[in-house]
C-alpha atoms as a PDB file:
ATOM      1  CA  MET A   1      -7.031  -2.344 -24.203  1.00  0.00           C
ATOM      2  CA  THR A   2      -7.003  -3.105 -20.465  1.00  0.00           C
ATOM      3  CA  ALA A   3      -3.707  -4.268 -18.981  1.00  0.00           C
ATOM      4  CA  CYS A   4      -3.420  -6.331 -15.825  1.00  0.00           C
ATOM      5  CA  VAL A   5      -2.025  -4.475 -12.823  1.00  0.00           C
ATOM      6  CA  PRO A   6      -0.672  -6.631  -9.969  1.00  0.00           C
ATOM      7  CA  VAL A   7      -3.169  -7.079  -7.139  1.00  0.00           C
ATOM      8  CA  ALA A   8      -1.838  -6.765  -3.595  1.00  0.00           C
ATOM      9  CA  GLU A   9      -3.420  -8.464  -0.589  1.00  0.00           C
ATOM     10  CA  ASP A  10      -2.326  -7.278   2.843  1.00  0.00           C
ATOM     11  CA  VAL A  11      -2.285 -10.560   4.755  1.00  0.00           C
ATOM     12  CA  ALA A  12      -1.211  -9.415   8.226  1.00  0.00           C
ATOM     13  CA  TRP A  13       0.187  -6.550  10.287  1.00  0.00           C
ATOM     14  CA  VAL A  14       2.391  -8.102  12.982  1.00  0.00           C
ATOM     15  CA  ARG A  15       3.464  -5.803  15.800  1.00  0.00           C
ATOM     16  CA  VAL A  16       6.987  -6.657  16.938  1.00  0.00           C
ATOM     17  CA  GLU A  17       7.685  -5.742  20.558  1.00  0.00           C
ATOM     18  CA  GLU A  18       9.173  -9.014  21.780  1.00  0.00           C
ATOM     19  CA  SER A  19      11.104 -11.917  20.296  1.00  0.00           C
ATOM     20  CA  ALA A  20       8.083 -14.255  20.171  1.00  0.00           C
ATOM     21  CA  GLN A  21       6.409 -11.902  17.702  1.00  0.00           C
ATOM     22  CA  VAL A  22       9.378 -12.263  15.337  1.00  0.00           C
ATOM     23  CA  GLY A  23       8.533 -15.951  15.142  1.00  0.00           C
ATOM     24  CA  ARG A  24       4.896 -15.181  14.373  1.00  0.00           C
ATOM     25  CA  ALA A  25       5.887 -12.880  11.507  1.00  0.00           C
ATOM     26  CA  ARG A  26       8.176 -15.567  10.102  1.00  0.00           C
ATOM     27  CA  ARG A  27       5.411 -18.177  10.259  1.00  0.00           C
ATOM     28  CA  VAL A  28       2.914 -15.866   8.544  1.00  0.00           C
ATOM     29  CA  ALA A  29       5.383 -15.105   5.724  1.00  0.00           C
ATOM     30  CA  THR A  30       6.470 -18.687   5.144  1.00  0.00           C
ATOM     31  CA  ALA A  31       2.871 -19.944   5.234  1.00  0.00           C
ATOM     32  CA  LEU A  32       1.982 -17.372   2.587  1.00  0.00           C
ATOM     33  CA  ALA A  33       4.947 -18.418   0.438  1.00  0.00           C
ATOM     34  CA  GLU A  34       3.853 -22.058   0.681  1.00  0.00           C
ATOM     35  CA  ARG A  35       0.284 -21.087  -0.251  1.00  0.00           C
ATOM     36  CA  LEU A  36       1.670 -19.309  -3.330  1.00  0.00           C
ATOM     37  CA  ALA A  37       3.512 -22.527  -4.335  1.00  0.00           C
ATOM     38  CA  PHE A  38       7.046 -21.317  -3.595  1.00  0.00           C
ATOM     39  CA  GLY A  39       9.706 -24.027  -3.439  1.00  0.00           C
ATOM     40  CA  ASP A  40      11.126 -25.201  -0.114  1.00  0.00           C
ATOM     41  CA  ALA A  41      14.463 -23.419  -0.581  1.00  0.00           C
ATOM     42  CA  ARG A  42      12.763 -20.122  -1.407  1.00  0.00           C
ATOM     43  CA  VAL A  43      10.430 -20.460   1.599  1.00  0.00           C
ATOM     44  CA  ALA A  44      13.466 -20.940   3.833  1.00  0.00           C
ATOM     45  CA  GLU A  45      15.141 -17.838   2.376  1.00  0.00           C
ATOM     46  CA  ILE A  46      12.037 -15.767   3.062  1.00  0.00           C
ATOM     47  CA  GLY A  47      11.865 -17.098   6.622  1.00  0.00           C
ATOM     48  CA  LEU A  48      15.484 -16.097   7.293  1.00  0.00           C
ATOM     49  CA  ALA A  49      14.983 -12.624   5.821  1.00  0.00           C
ATOM     50  CA  VAL A  50      11.845 -11.994   7.893  1.00  0.00           C
ATOM     51  CA  THR A  51      13.659 -13.191  11.017  1.00  0.00           C
ATOM     52  CA  GLU A  52      16.400 -10.631  10.390  1.00  0.00           C
ATOM     53  CA  LEU A  53      13.917  -7.816   9.755  1.00  0.00           C
ATOM     54  CA  GLY A  54      11.874  -8.695  12.825  1.00  0.00           C
ATOM     55  CA  THR A  55      14.954  -8.979  15.039  1.00  0.00           C
ATOM     56  CA  ASN A  56      16.115  -5.558  13.868  1.00  0.00           C
ATOM     57  CA  LEU A  57      12.734  -4.100  14.828  1.00  0.00           C
ATOM     58  CA  HIS A  58      12.845  -5.775  18.233  1.00  0.00           C
ATOM     59  CA  LYS A  59      16.390  -4.627  19.010  1.00  0.00           C
ATOM     60  CA  HIS A  60      16.410  -1.170  17.433  1.00  0.00           C
ATOM     61  CA  THR A  61      12.946   0.221  18.225  1.00  0.00           C
ATOM     62  CA  SER A  62      10.351   0.364  20.955  1.00  0.00           C
ATOM     63  CA  GLY A  63       7.901  -1.389  18.659  1.00  0.00           C
ATOM     64  CA  GLY A  64       7.466  -1.591  14.924  1.00  0.00           C
ATOM     65  CA  HIS A  65       5.383  -3.624  12.493  1.00  0.00           C
ATOM     66  CA  LEU A  66       6.044  -6.205   9.834  1.00  0.00           C
ATOM     67  CA  VAL A  67       3.422  -6.172   7.092  1.00  0.00           C
ATOM     68  CA  VAL A  68       3.151  -9.397   5.081  1.00  0.00           C
ATOM     69  CA  ARG A  69       1.596  -9.038   1.622  1.00  0.00           C
ATOM     70  CA  ALA A  70       0.801 -11.199  -1.384  1.00  0.00           C
ATOM     71  CA  LEU A  71       1.253  -9.817  -4.889  1.00  0.00           C
ATOM     72  CA  ARG A  72      -0.454 -11.547  -7.828  1.00  0.00           C
ATOM     73  CA  ALA A  73      -0.944 -11.028 -11.554  1.00  0.00           C
ATOM     74  CA  ASP A  74      -1.732 -13.681 -14.140  1.00  0.00           C
ATOM     75  CA  ASP A  75       0.512 -16.663 -13.277  1.00  0.00           C
ATOM     76  CA  ARG A  76       2.962 -14.572 -11.270  1.00  0.00           C
ATOM     77  CA  ALA A  77       3.153 -14.282  -7.504  1.00  0.00           C
ATOM     78  CA  ALA A  78       5.383 -12.602  -4.963  1.00  0.00           C
ATOM     79  CA  VAL A  79       5.632 -12.186  -1.210  1.00  0.00           C
ATOM     80  CA  GLU A  80       6.225  -8.639   0.011  1.00  0.00           C
ATOM     81  CA  VAL A  81       7.342  -7.765   3.517  1.00  0.00           C
ATOM     82  CA  VAL A  82       7.242  -4.163   4.733  1.00  0.00           C
ATOM     83  CA  ALA A  83       9.022  -3.215   7.955  1.00  0.00           C
ATOM     84  CA  VAL A  84       7.703   0.000   9.533  1.00  0.00           C
ATOM     85  CA  ASP A  85       9.088   1.658  12.657  1.00  0.00           C
ATOM     86  CA  ARG A  86       9.460   4.977  14.469  1.00  0.00           C
ATOM     87  CA  GLY A  87      12.985   4.247  15.642  1.00  0.00           C
ATOM     88  CA  PRO A  88      16.175   6.309  15.418  1.00  0.00           C
ATOM     89  CA  GLY A  89      16.705   5.612  11.717  1.00  0.00           C
ATOM     90  CA  ILE A  90      19.683   3.899  10.108  1.00  0.00           C
ATOM     91  CA  PRO A  91      22.669   6.261  10.207  1.00  0.00           C
ATOM     92  CA  ASP A  92      24.861   4.248   7.830  1.00  0.00           C
ATOM     93  CA  MET A  93      22.900   2.192   5.306  1.00  0.00           C
ATOM     94  CA  ALA A  94      26.022   0.853   3.553  1.00  0.00           C
ATOM     95  CA  ARG A  95      27.354  -0.510   6.841  1.00  0.00           C
ATOM     96  CA  ALA A  96      23.982  -2.038   7.734  1.00  0.00           C
ATOM     97  CA  MET A  97      24.129  -4.039   4.507  1.00  0.00           C
ATOM     98  CA  LEU A  98      27.452  -5.653   5.482  1.00  0.00           C
ATOM     99  CA  ASP A  99      27.321  -9.144   6.987  1.00  0.00           C
ATOM    100  CA  GLY A 100      28.391  -9.259  10.595  1.00  0.00           C
ATOM    101  CA  GLU A 101      27.778  -5.571  11.236  1.00  0.00           C
ATOM    102  CA  SER A 102      25.633  -4.738  14.230  1.00  0.00           C
ATOM    103  CA  THR A 103      25.648  -1.533  16.244  1.00  0.00           C
ATOM    104  CA  THR A 104      23.015  -2.396  18.837  1.00  0.00           C
ATOM    105  CA  GLY A 105      23.133  -6.151  19.223  1.00  0.00           C
ATOM    106  CA  THR A 106      20.984  -7.279  16.291  1.00  0.00           C
ATOM    107  CA  LEU A 107      21.028 -10.755  14.810  1.00  0.00           C
ATOM    108  CA  GLY A 108      24.543  -9.969  13.605  1.00  0.00           C
ATOM    109  CA  ILE A 109      24.210 -10.848   9.949  1.00  0.00           C
ATOM    110  CA  GLY A 110      23.074  -7.376   8.907  1.00  0.00           C
ATOM    111  CA  LEU A 111      20.577  -6.538   6.207  1.00  0.00           C
ATOM    112  CA  GLY A 112      22.856  -8.127   3.638  1.00  0.00           C
ATOM    113  CA  VAL A 113      20.981 -11.426   3.864  1.00  0.00           C
ATOM    114  CA  VAL A 114      17.739  -9.604   3.067  1.00  0.00           C
ATOM    115  CA  ALA A 115      19.307  -7.768   0.133  1.00  0.00           C
ATOM    116  CA  ARG A 116      20.704 -11.006  -1.338  1.00  0.00           C
ATOM    117  CA  SER A 117      17.495 -13.017  -1.083  1.00  0.00           C
ATOM    118  CA  ALA A 118      15.048 -10.240  -2.077  1.00  0.00           C
ATOM    119  CA  ASP A 119      14.375  -9.467  -5.737  1.00  0.00           C
ATOM    120  CA  LEU A 120      13.580  -5.869  -4.851  1.00  0.00           C
ATOM    121  CA  LEU A 121      14.654  -3.931  -1.768  1.00  0.00           C
ATOM    122  CA  ASP A 122      13.687  -0.315  -1.046  1.00  0.00           C
ATOM    123  CA  VAL A 123      14.506   1.619   2.114  1.00  0.00           C
ATOM    124  CA  SER A 124      13.526   5.056   3.380  1.00  0.00           C
ATOM    125  CA  THR A 125      15.095   6.133   6.664  1.00  0.00           C
ATOM    126  CA  ARG A 126      15.166   9.435   8.539  1.00  0.00           C
ATOM    127  CA  ARG A 127      17.042  10.300  11.682  1.00  0.00           C
ATOM    128  CA  ASP A 128      14.750  10.185  14.731  1.00  0.00           C
ATOM    129  CA  ARG A 129      11.671   9.615  12.554  1.00  0.00           C
ATOM    130  CA  GLY A 130      12.051   5.968  11.687  1.00  0.00           C
ATOM    131  CA  THR A 131      12.566   3.588   8.808  1.00  0.00           C
ATOM    132  CA  VAL A 132      10.336   1.968   6.207  1.00  0.00           C
ATOM    133  CA  LEU A 133      11.774  -0.998   4.312  1.00  0.00           C
ATOM    134  CA  ALA A 134      10.082  -3.062   1.608  1.00  0.00           C
ATOM    135  CA  ALA A 135      11.430  -6.402   0.390  1.00  0.00           C
ATOM    136  CA  ARG A 136       9.845  -8.365  -2.458  1.00  0.00           C
ATOM    137  CA  PHE A 137      10.457 -12.068  -3.055  1.00  0.00           C
ATOM    138  CA  HIS A 138       9.522 -13.713  -6.380  1.00  0.00           C
ATOM    139  CA  ARG A 139       9.137 -17.423  -6.985  1.00  0.00           C
ATOM    140  CA  ARG A 140      11.999 -17.225  -9.513  1.00  0.00           C
ATOM    141  CA  GLU A 141      10.497 -19.692 -11.954  1.00  0.00           C
ATOM    142  CA  ARG A 142      12.062 -19.948 -15.366  1.00  0.00           C
ATOM    143  CA  GLY A 143      10.187 -18.133 -18.104  1.00  0.00           C
ATOM    144  CA  VAL A 144       7.863 -16.316 -15.678  1.00  0.00           C
ATOM    145  CA  PRO A 145       8.454 -12.527 -15.586  1.00  0.00           C
ATOM    146  CA  ASP A 146       8.532 -10.679 -12.282  1.00  0.00           C
ATOM    147  CA  PHE A 147       6.914  -7.405 -11.224  1.00  0.00           C
ATOM    148  CA  ARG A 148       9.906  -5.105 -11.323  1.00  0.00           C
ATOM    149  CA  ALA A 149       8.650  -3.158 -14.347  1.00  0.00           C
ATOM    150  CA  GLU A 150       5.225  -2.602 -12.758  1.00  0.00           C
ATOM    151  CA  SER A 151       5.947  -0.488  -9.709  1.00  0.00           C
ATOM    152  CA  SER A 152       4.391   2.871 -10.651  1.00  0.00           C
ATOM    153  CA  SER A 153       1.539   2.383  -8.153  1.00  0.00           C
ATOM    154  CA  ALA A 154       1.192   0.800  -4.735  1.00  0.00           C
ATOM    155  CA  GLY A 155      -1.193   0.889  -1.822  1.00  0.00           C
ATOM    156  CA  LEU A 156      -1.285  -0.249   1.774  1.00  0.00           C
ATOM    157  CA  THR A 157      -4.208  -0.992   4.104  1.00  0.00           C
ATOM    158  CA  ARG A 158      -4.167  -1.343   7.891  1.00  0.00           C
ATOM    159  CA  PRO A 159      -7.131  -2.582   9.944  1.00  0.00           C
ATOM    160  CA  ILE A 160      -8.213  -0.850  13.117  1.00  0.00           C
ATOM    161  CA  ALA A 161      -6.728  -2.429  16.238  1.00  0.00           C
ATOM    162  CA  ASP A 162      -8.254  -5.808  17.192  1.00  0.00           C
ATOM    163  CA  GLU A 163      -9.696  -6.405  13.714  1.00  0.00           C
ATOM    164  CA  GLU A 164      -8.240  -9.006  11.351  1.00  0.00           C
ATOM    165  CA  VAL A 165      -9.510  -7.412   8.131  1.00  0.00           C
ATOM    166  CA  CYS A 166      -9.451  -3.841   6.895  1.00  0.00           C
ATOM    167  CA  GLY A 167     -12.650  -2.171   5.737  1.00  0.00           C
ATOM    168  CA  ASP A 168     -10.767  -0.142   3.121  1.00  0.00           C
ATOM    169  CA  ALA A 169      -9.825  -1.376  -0.356  1.00  0.00           C
ATOM    170  CA  TYR A 170      -8.425   0.007  -3.597  1.00  0.00           C
ATOM    171  CA  ALA A 171      -7.885  -1.091  -7.186  1.00  0.00           C
ATOM    172  CA  VAL A 172      -5.791   0.013 -10.168  1.00  0.00           C
ATOM    173  CA  ARG A 173      -6.400  -0.583 -13.884  1.00  0.00           C
ATOM    174  CA  ARG A 174      -4.446   0.453 -16.942  1.00  0.00           C
ATOM    175  CA  VAL A 175      -6.660   1.189 -19.949  1.00  0.00           C
ATOM    176  CA  GLY A 176      -4.599   2.164 -22.972  1.00  0.00           C
ATOM    177  CA  ASP A 177      -2.223   4.917 -21.882  1.00  0.00           C
ATOM    178  CA  ARG A 178      -4.422   5.956 -18.960  1.00  0.00           C
ATOM    179  CA  LEU A 179      -4.376   4.703 -15.400  1.00  0.00           C
ATOM    180  CA  TRP A 180      -7.644   4.288 -13.505  1.00  0.00           C
ATOM    181  CA  VAL A 181      -7.633   4.123  -9.698  1.00  0.00           C
ATOM    182  CA  MET A 182     -10.379   3.568  -7.137  1.00  0.00           C
ATOM    183  CA  MET A 183     -10.551   3.601  -3.357  1.00  0.00           C
ATOM    184  CA  CYS A 184     -13.429   2.617  -1.086  1.00  0.00           C
ATOM    185  CA  ASP A 185     -13.682   3.134   2.673  1.00  0.00           C
ATOM    186  CA  GLY A 186     -16.429   0.775   3.798  1.00  0.00           C
ATOM    187  CA  SER A 187     -18.671   2.273   6.472  1.00  0.00           C
ATOM    188  CA  GLY A 188     -17.540   1.256   9.945  1.00  0.00           C
ATOM    189  CA  HIS A 189     -14.933  -1.448  10.166  1.00  0.00           C
ATOM    190  CA  GLY A 190     -14.574  -5.219  10.329  1.00  0.00           C
ATOM    191  CA  PRO A 191     -15.917  -7.913   7.952  1.00  0.00           C
ATOM    192  CA  LEU A 192     -19.057  -6.038   6.856  1.00  0.00           C
ATOM    193  CA  ALA A 193     -17.090  -2.927   5.920  1.00  0.00           C
ATOM    194  CA  ALA A 194     -14.586  -5.133   4.099  1.00  0.00           C
ATOM    195  CA  SER A 195     -17.415  -6.836   2.218  1.00  0.00           C
ATOM    196  CA  ALA A 196     -18.668  -3.474   0.926  1.00  0.00           C
ATOM    197  CA  SER A 197     -15.171  -2.471  -0.188  1.00  0.00           C
ATOM    198  CA  ARG A 198     -14.599  -5.797  -1.948  1.00  0.00           C
ATOM    199  CA  GLU A 199     -17.851  -5.294  -3.835  1.00  0.00           C
ATOM    200  CA  ALA A 200     -16.657  -1.844  -4.889  1.00  0.00           C
ATOM    201  CA  VAL A 201     -13.432  -3.378  -6.206  1.00  0.00           C
ATOM    202  CA  ARG A 202     -15.410  -5.999  -8.140  1.00  0.00           C
ATOM    203  CA  ILE A 203     -17.697  -3.388  -9.741  1.00  0.00           C
ATOM    204  CA  PHE A 204     -14.746  -1.182 -10.644  1.00  0.00           C
ATOM    205  CA  CYS A 205     -12.727  -4.022 -12.185  1.00  0.00           C
ATOM    206  CA  ASP A 206     -15.672  -5.454 -14.131  1.00  0.00           C
ATOM    207  CA  ASP A 207     -16.799  -2.099 -15.506  1.00  0.00           C
ATOM    208  CA  GLU A 208     -15.827  -0.656 -18.877  1.00  0.00           C
ATOM    209  CA  PRO A 209     -14.759   2.790 -17.666  1.00  0.00           C
ATOM    210  CA  SER A 210     -16.141   5.807 -19.491  1.00  0.00           C
ATOM    211  CA  ALA A 211     -15.781   8.676 -17.018  1.00  0.00           C
ATOM    212  CA  PRO A 212     -14.942   8.723 -13.286  1.00  0.00           C
ATOM    213  CA  GLU A 213     -18.306  10.235 -12.358  1.00  0.00           C
ATOM    214  CA  ALA A 214     -20.102   7.459 -14.277  1.00  0.00           C
ATOM    215  CA  VAL A 215     -18.108   4.816 -12.391  1.00  0.00           C
ATOM    216  CA  VAL A 216     -18.931   6.476  -9.053  1.00  0.00           C
ATOM    217  CA  ALA A 217     -22.614   6.413 -10.017  1.00  0.00           C
ATOM    218  CA  LYS A 218     -22.347   2.659 -10.726  1.00  0.00           C
ATOM    219  CA  LEU A 219     -20.611   2.142  -7.384  1.00  0.00           C
ATOM    220  CA  HIS A 220     -23.391   4.057  -5.641  1.00  0.00           C
ATOM    221  CA  ALA A 221     -26.013   1.831  -7.245  1.00  0.00           C
ATOM    222  CA  GLY A 222     -24.025  -1.371  -6.774  1.00  0.00           C
ATOM    223  CA  LEU A 223     -23.326  -0.860  -3.071  1.00  0.00           C
ATOM    224  CA  ARG A 224     -27.020  -0.745  -2.137  1.00  0.00           C
ATOM    225  CA  GLY A 225     -27.657  -3.655   0.209  1.00  0.00           C
ATOM    226  CA  THR A 226     -24.176  -3.386   1.713  1.00  0.00           C
ATOM    227  CA  ARG A 227     -22.907  -1.075   4.419  1.00  0.00           C
ATOM    228  CA  GLY A 228     -21.891   1.320   1.676  1.00  0.00           C
ATOM    229  CA  GLY A 229     -18.949   3.643   2.027  1.00  0.00           C
ATOM    230  CA  ALA A 230     -16.947   6.566   0.753  1.00  0.00           C
ATOM    231  CA  VAL A 231     -15.567   6.100  -2.769  1.00  0.00           C
ATOM    232  CA  ALA A 232     -13.313   7.949  -5.166  1.00  0.00           C
ATOM    233  CA  VAL A 233     -12.350   7.242  -8.767  1.00  0.00           C
ATOM    234  CA  ALA A 234      -9.693   9.016 -10.804  1.00  0.00           C
ATOM    235  CA  VAL A 235      -8.281   8.644 -14.292  1.00  0.00           C
ATOM    236  CA  LEU A 236      -4.716   9.790 -14.868  1.00  0.00           C
ATOM    237  CA  ASP A 237      -3.863  10.982 -18.375  1.00  0.00           C
ATOM    238  CA  PRO A 238      -0.123  11.800 -18.361  1.00  0.00           C
ATOM    239  CA  ALA A 239      -0.128  12.500 -22.110  1.00  0.00           C
ATOM    240  CA  ARG A 240      -2.488  15.455 -21.505  1.00  0.00           C
ATOM    241  CA  ASN A 241      -1.087  16.317 -18.074  1.00  0.00           C
ATOM    242  CA  ARG A 242      -4.572  15.988 -16.600  1.00  0.00           C
ATOM    243  CA  ILE A 243      -6.324  13.990 -13.910  1.00  0.00           C
ATOM    244  CA  ARG A 244     -10.106  13.735 -13.656  1.00  0.00           C
ATOM    245  CA  TYR A 245     -11.330  12.948 -10.146  1.00  0.00           C
ATOM    246  CA  SER A 246     -14.740  12.086  -8.724  1.00  0.00           C
ATOM    247  CA  GLY A 247     -15.193  11.484  -5.011  1.00  0.00           C
ATOM    248  CA  LEU A 248     -18.268  10.721  -2.913  1.00  0.00           C
ATOM    249  CA  GLY A 249     -17.641  10.964   0.803  1.00  0.00           C
ATOM    250  CA  ASN A 250     -14.453  11.368   2.787  1.00  0.00           C
ATOM    251  CA  ILE A 251     -11.760   9.856   0.552  1.00  0.00           C
ATOM    252  CA  ALA A 252      -8.956  12.414   0.313  1.00  0.00           C
ATOM    253  CA  GLY A 253      -7.152  12.981  -2.993  1.00  0.00           C
ATOM    254  CA  ALA A 254      -4.045  15.059  -3.621  1.00  0.00           C
ATOM    255  CA  VAL A 255      -1.485  15.789  -6.335  1.00  0.00           C
ATOM    256  CA  LEU A 256       2.111  16.316  -5.177  1.00  0.00           C
ATOM    257  CA  SER A 257       4.338  18.329  -7.498  1.00  0.00           C
ATOM    258  CA  ASP A 258       7.129  20.897  -7.145  1.00  0.00           C
ATOM    259  CA  GLY A 259       7.002  20.714  -3.363  1.00  0.00           C
ATOM    260  CA  ARG A 260       3.283  21.512  -3.260  1.00  0.00           C
ATOM    261  CA  LYS A 261       0.198  19.519  -2.299  1.00  0.00           C
ATOM    262  CA  ARG A 262      -2.919  20.265  -4.356  1.00  0.00           C
ATOM    263  CA  THR A 263      -6.095  18.817  -2.863  1.00  0.00           C
ATOM    264  CA  MET A 264      -8.776  17.292  -5.105  1.00  0.00           C
ATOM    265  CA  VAL A 265     -12.466  17.825  -4.344  1.00  0.00           C
ATOM    266  CA  SER A 266     -14.988  15.211  -3.188  1.00  0.00           C
ATOM    267  CA  VAL A 267     -18.695  15.839  -2.594  1.00  0.00           C
ATOM    268  CA  PRO A 268     -20.646  14.767   0.517  1.00  0.00           C
ATOM    269  CA  GLY A 269     -22.437  11.436   0.490  1.00  0.00           C
ATOM    270  CA  ILE A 270     -22.229   7.690   1.142  1.00  0.00           C
ATOM    271  CA  ALA A 271     -22.128   5.337  -1.830  1.00  0.00           C
ATOM    272  CA  GLY A 272     -25.021   2.906  -1.562  1.00  0.00           C
ATOM    273  CA  TYR A 273     -27.082   5.268   0.612  1.00  0.00           C
ATOM    274  CA  GLN A 274     -26.939   8.955  -0.176  1.00  0.00           C
ATOM    275  CA  ALA A 275     -25.668  10.882  -3.185  1.00  0.00           C
ATOM    276  CA  ARG A 276     -27.458  14.162  -3.808  1.00  0.00           C
ATOM    277  CA  THR A 277     -25.025  14.939  -6.605  1.00  0.00           C
ATOM    278  CA  ILE A 278     -22.022  13.291  -8.253  1.00  0.00           C
ATOM    279  CA  HIS A 279     -19.454  15.514  -9.896  1.00  0.00           C
ATOM    280  CA  ALA A 280     -16.013  15.160 -11.443  1.00  0.00           C
ATOM    281  CA  PHE A 281     -13.295  17.788 -11.474  1.00  0.00           C
ATOM    282  CA  ASP A 282     -10.266  18.182 -13.716  1.00  0.00           C
ATOM    283  CA  HIS A 283      -6.890  18.934 -12.171  1.00  0.00           C
ATOM    284  CA  GLU A 284      -3.440  19.574 -13.577  1.00  0.00           C
ATOM    285  CA  LEU A 285      -1.080  16.584 -13.549  1.00  0.00           C
ATOM    286  CA  PRO A 286       2.438  17.961 -14.096  1.00  0.00           C
ATOM    287  CA  PRO A 287       5.172  15.624 -15.387  1.00  0.00           C
ATOM    288  CA  GLY A 288       6.649  13.664 -12.501  1.00  0.00           C
ATOM    289  CA  ALA A 289       3.699  14.361 -10.198  1.00  0.00           C
ATOM    290  CA  VAL A 290       2.610  11.903  -7.530  1.00  0.00           C
ATOM    291  CA  VAL A 291      -1.083  11.201  -6.882  1.00  0.00           C
ATOM    292  CA  VAL A 292      -2.234  10.129  -3.410  1.00  0.00           C
ATOM    293  CA  LEU A 293      -5.638   8.797  -2.346  1.00  0.00           C
ATOM    294  CA  HIS A 294      -6.275   7.903   1.281  1.00  0.00           C
ATOM    295  CA  SER A 295      -9.142   7.086   3.609  1.00  0.00           C
ATOM    296  CA  ASP A 296     -10.127   9.204   6.596  1.00  0.00           C
ATOM    297  CA  GLY A 297      -8.181   6.893   8.867  1.00  0.00           C
ATOM    298  CA  LEU A 298      -5.361   9.243   7.884  1.00  0.00           C
ATOM    299  CA  THR A 299      -5.435  12.874   8.896  1.00  0.00           C
ATOM    300  CA  GLU A 300      -5.085  15.332   6.021  1.00  0.00           C
ATOM    301  CA  ARG A 301      -2.616  17.383   8.040  1.00  0.00           C
ATOM    302  CA  TRP A 302       0.446  16.113   6.213  1.00  0.00           C
ATOM    303  CA  GLY A 303       2.455  17.932   3.610  1.00  0.00           C
ATOM    304  CA  PRO A 304       4.894  17.178   0.810  1.00  0.00           C
ATOM    305  CA  GLU A 305       7.800  17.834   3.159  1.00  0.00           C
ATOM    306  CA  ASP A 306       6.737  14.781   5.182  1.00  0.00           C
ATOM    307  CA  VAL A 307       7.383  12.455   2.233  1.00  0.00           C
ATOM    308  CA  ALA A 308      10.108  14.419   0.440  1.00  0.00           C
ATOM    309  CA  GLY A 309      12.745  12.252  -1.174  1.00  0.00           C
ATOM    310  CA  ILE A 310      10.670   9.048  -1.128  1.00  0.00           C
ATOM    311  CA  SER A 311      10.405   7.817  -4.715  1.00  0.00           C
ATOM    312  CA  SER A 312       8.921   4.351  -4.112  1.00  0.00           C
ATOM    313  CA  PRO A 313       5.085   4.398  -4.122  1.00  0.00           C
ATOM    314  CA  LEU A 314       4.967   1.572  -1.573  1.00  0.00           C
ATOM    315  CA  LEU A 315       7.381   3.275   0.833  1.00  0.00           C
ATOM    316  CA  LEU A 316       5.478   6.549   0.452  1.00  0.00           C
ATOM    317  CA  ALA A 317       2.152   4.827   1.183  1.00  0.00           C
ATOM    318  CA  ALA A 318       3.636   3.060   4.219  1.00  0.00           C
ATOM    319  CA  THR A 319       5.134   6.313   5.522  1.00  0.00           C
ATOM    320  CA  LEU A 320       1.767   8.056   5.258  1.00  0.00           C
ATOM    321  CA  VAL A 321      -0.044   5.219   7.028  1.00  0.00           C
ATOM    322  CA  ARG A 322       2.592   5.269   9.783  1.00  0.00           C
ATOM    323  CA  ASP A 323       2.744   9.029  10.310  1.00  0.00           C
ATOM    324  CA  ALA A 324      -0.735  10.271   9.326  1.00  0.00           C
ATOM    325  CA  GLY A 325      -2.744   7.176  10.315  1.00  0.00           C
ATOM    326  CA  VAL A 326      -3.325   8.483  13.832  1.00  0.00           C
ATOM    327  CA  ARG A 327      -7.101   8.168  13.948  1.00  0.00           C
ATOM    328  CA  LYS A 328      -8.745   5.142  15.543  1.00  0.00           C
ATOM    329  CA  ASP A 329     -10.019   3.692  12.280  1.00  0.00           C
ATOM    330  CA  ASP A 330      -9.041   1.545   9.328  1.00  0.00           C
ATOM    331  CA  ALA A 331      -6.340   3.275   7.313  1.00  0.00           C
ATOM    332  CA  SER A 332      -5.318   3.030   3.684  1.00  0.00           C
ATOM    333  CA  ALA A 333      -3.210   4.950   1.209  1.00  0.00           C
ATOM    334  CA  LEU A 334      -2.762   4.523  -2.547  1.00  0.00           C
ATOM    335  CA  VAL A 335       0.136   6.211  -4.348  1.00  0.00           C
ATOM    336  CA  VAL A 336       0.656   6.570  -8.094  1.00  0.00           C
ATOM    337  CA  ALA A 337       3.895   7.959  -9.537  1.00  0.00           C
ATOM    338  CA  THR A 338       3.592   9.410 -13.019  1.00  0.00           C
END
């Protein structure tokens, strides 16, 4: 039996360096909420929360980003806003949540307004390294469940500078008690790379999965005629404490457990163009392990100490994109907590 996993769409990365950009982020978020059929009162709440988050970025940091995302599954929808910065961190989170508290001249109403209007609020902050905050806003319709019980996986994509769309994409499926994940890094960047990645997502979601290497072979065949790209497919089997992983090209895979990072193996090639061989490898998946897949827009020179203490998959993915996404390329990270 295949279960629906919420699909995230990264609508916009808005850099906030001046007050006018706060207004742009608010307009992007409220327009998305209206497109998702949110009521007027809820749209206004989201606009106020984004204004507070953007003003905090503008006042506290030399330049951060607000990421506006749509989350969908069946008849459910949510707006997610992720604030990412490299500022001084928040020294006193409890105080920051109090209305009227401001230590550096922020909007003055604190993060309390965000906490009250958001259905889910997660924060990771480190002194002198920055803060990542994720706020999720549901439509709050009667009889329609939200996504709070479905947060074991999350990904984030960021387009290369000056591009509107990211050439990377990922997908997650739950089949019985196993979780299947896929990532594609479309060759190059821009709309054509994004088109190849979207086709990979379609093939992966329409396929009846048998083995990761078989899915990679189908992706290789199905991406002919597109720009192609690097792909990786993994199936997580927590009941057996195993993960089977098949990668073609430069998607990086790792298992984080007990303070260690264990790298998973991909073989050279480009799906849609060149695949001399396609292999799958079995790796141990200890209880409580975290699985990370990311494109080569992120350097692999990060370790478990860089994300220690971050339990939220979305915050962990955003932290990796912020800190390891130093290459001039599209960047994406997918995180699964077991």
